[in-house]
Protein backbone atom coordinates (compact mmCIF):
# COMPACT_ATOMS: atom_id res chain seq x y z
CA GLN A 1 51.11 168.23 -2.50
CA GLY A 2 48.64 165.54 -1.54
CA SER A 3 47.83 164.51 1.99
CA ASP A 4 48.95 160.94 1.24
CA PRO A 5 52.69 160.57 2.10
CA GLY A 6 53.21 158.13 -0.79
CA SER A 7 51.48 160.31 -3.40
CA SER A 8 54.68 162.19 -4.25
CA LEU A 9 56.29 158.93 -5.45
CA GLY A 10 53.97 158.69 -8.44
CA SER A 11 52.15 155.76 -9.96
CA SER A 12 55.31 154.12 -11.40
CA THR A 13 56.36 152.76 -7.99
CA GLU A 14 53.06 151.06 -7.22
CA TRP A 15 53.05 147.27 -7.32
CA VAL A 16 50.71 145.64 -9.80
CA PRO A 17 49.54 142.14 -8.77
CA SER A 18 50.83 140.55 -11.99
CA GLU A 19 54.28 142.10 -11.42
CA ARG A 20 54.29 140.81 -7.83
CA GLY A 21 53.64 137.26 -9.07
CA ALA A 22 56.40 137.57 -11.66
CA LEU A 23 58.79 138.87 -9.01
CA ALA A 24 58.00 135.96 -6.69
CA GLU A 25 58.49 133.54 -9.60
CA LEU A 26 61.84 135.13 -10.43
CA ALA A 27 62.95 134.97 -6.79
CA ALA A 28 61.97 131.31 -6.53
CA MET A 29 63.80 130.48 -9.75
CA SER A 30 67.00 132.24 -8.68
CA LEU A 31 66.82 130.50 -5.29
CA ARG A 32 66.52 127.12 -7.04
CA ARG A 33 69.53 127.97 -9.22
CA ALA A 34 71.58 129.01 -6.19
CA ILE A 35 70.77 125.75 -4.37
CA ILE A 36 71.73 123.66 -7.40
CA ARG A 37 74.98 125.63 -7.83
CA ALA A 38 75.85 125.12 -4.15
CA LYS A 39 75.23 121.37 -4.39
CA GLU A 40 77.47 121.13 -7.46
CA ALA A 41 80.27 123.03 -5.74
CA VAL A 42 80.25 120.77 -2.67
CA GLN A 43 80.44 117.40 -4.43
CA PRO A 44 83.96 116.17 -5.25
CA LEU A 45 84.77 115.30 -8.85
CA ARG A 46 85.99 111.78 -7.99
CA LYS A 47 86.92 109.72 -4.96
CA THR A 48 90.56 109.53 -3.85
CA SER A 49 92.10 106.23 -4.91
CA ARG A 50 93.02 103.59 -2.31
CA LYS A 51 96.71 103.91 -3.25
CA ASP A 52 96.64 107.64 -2.48
CA GLN A 53 94.71 107.05 0.74
CA THR A 54 97.21 104.61 2.26
CA ARG A 55 99.44 105.98 5.02
CA ILE A 56 103.10 106.07 4.02
CA GLY A 57 104.65 105.86 7.46
CA THR A 58 104.76 107.27 10.94
CA TYR A 59 106.30 110.58 11.80
CA PRO A 60 107.93 111.64 15.09
CA VAL A 61 105.40 113.74 17.00
CA PRO A 62 106.50 115.39 20.25
CA PRO A 63 104.39 114.59 23.33
CA GLU A 64 103.45 118.26 23.81
CA ALA A 65 101.85 118.36 20.34
CA SER A 66 98.47 117.60 21.88
CA ILE A 67 98.77 120.73 24.06
CA TRP A 68 99.77 122.80 21.03
CA TRP A 69 96.80 121.42 19.10
CA ALA A 70 94.39 122.20 21.95
CA ASN A 71 95.70 125.79 22.14
CA ARG A 72 95.94 126.35 18.38
CA TYR A 73 93.59 129.38 18.42
CA GLN A 74 95.56 131.19 21.13
CA VAL A 75 98.78 133.16 20.78
CA PRO A 76 101.08 134.33 23.59
CA GLY A 77 100.44 138.03 22.93
CA GLY A 78 96.69 137.61 23.27
CA GLU A 79 95.92 138.92 19.79
CA ILE A 80 97.31 138.56 16.29
CA LYS A 81 98.37 141.80 14.64
CA GLN A 82 98.77 141.88 10.88
CA SER A 83 100.59 144.65 9.10
CA PHE A 84 101.14 145.59 5.48
CA SER A 85 104.44 147.32 4.71
CA PRO A 86 104.88 149.98 2.01
CA TYR A 87 107.32 147.62 0.25
CA GLN A 88 104.69 144.90 -0.01
CA GLN A 89 102.29 147.52 -1.31
CA LYS A 90 104.77 148.60 -3.93
CA ILE A 91 105.29 145.01 -5.10
CA MET A 92 101.57 144.31 -5.30
CA PHE A 93 100.48 147.52 -7.01
CA GLN A 94 103.27 148.32 -9.46
């Protein structure tokens, strides 16, 4: 056992400068690919037509709707509890 703490790892784990450059190149290339993929995912395929954009009519909205909208992240119980019944489990995993 050598006095160097990293000597037990062996020479296969040491970084060679040429490998470091290749690794940086690979990381840069994969980053470029990820950025391009993200840009492609965000852009819509085509613009919505004017006919589909036009408003059809007006709908009756109660006056307290603005209060409901302002409090849309709050529930009377203080927290939302979600449960998963054994019957749902049976349906999903049969």
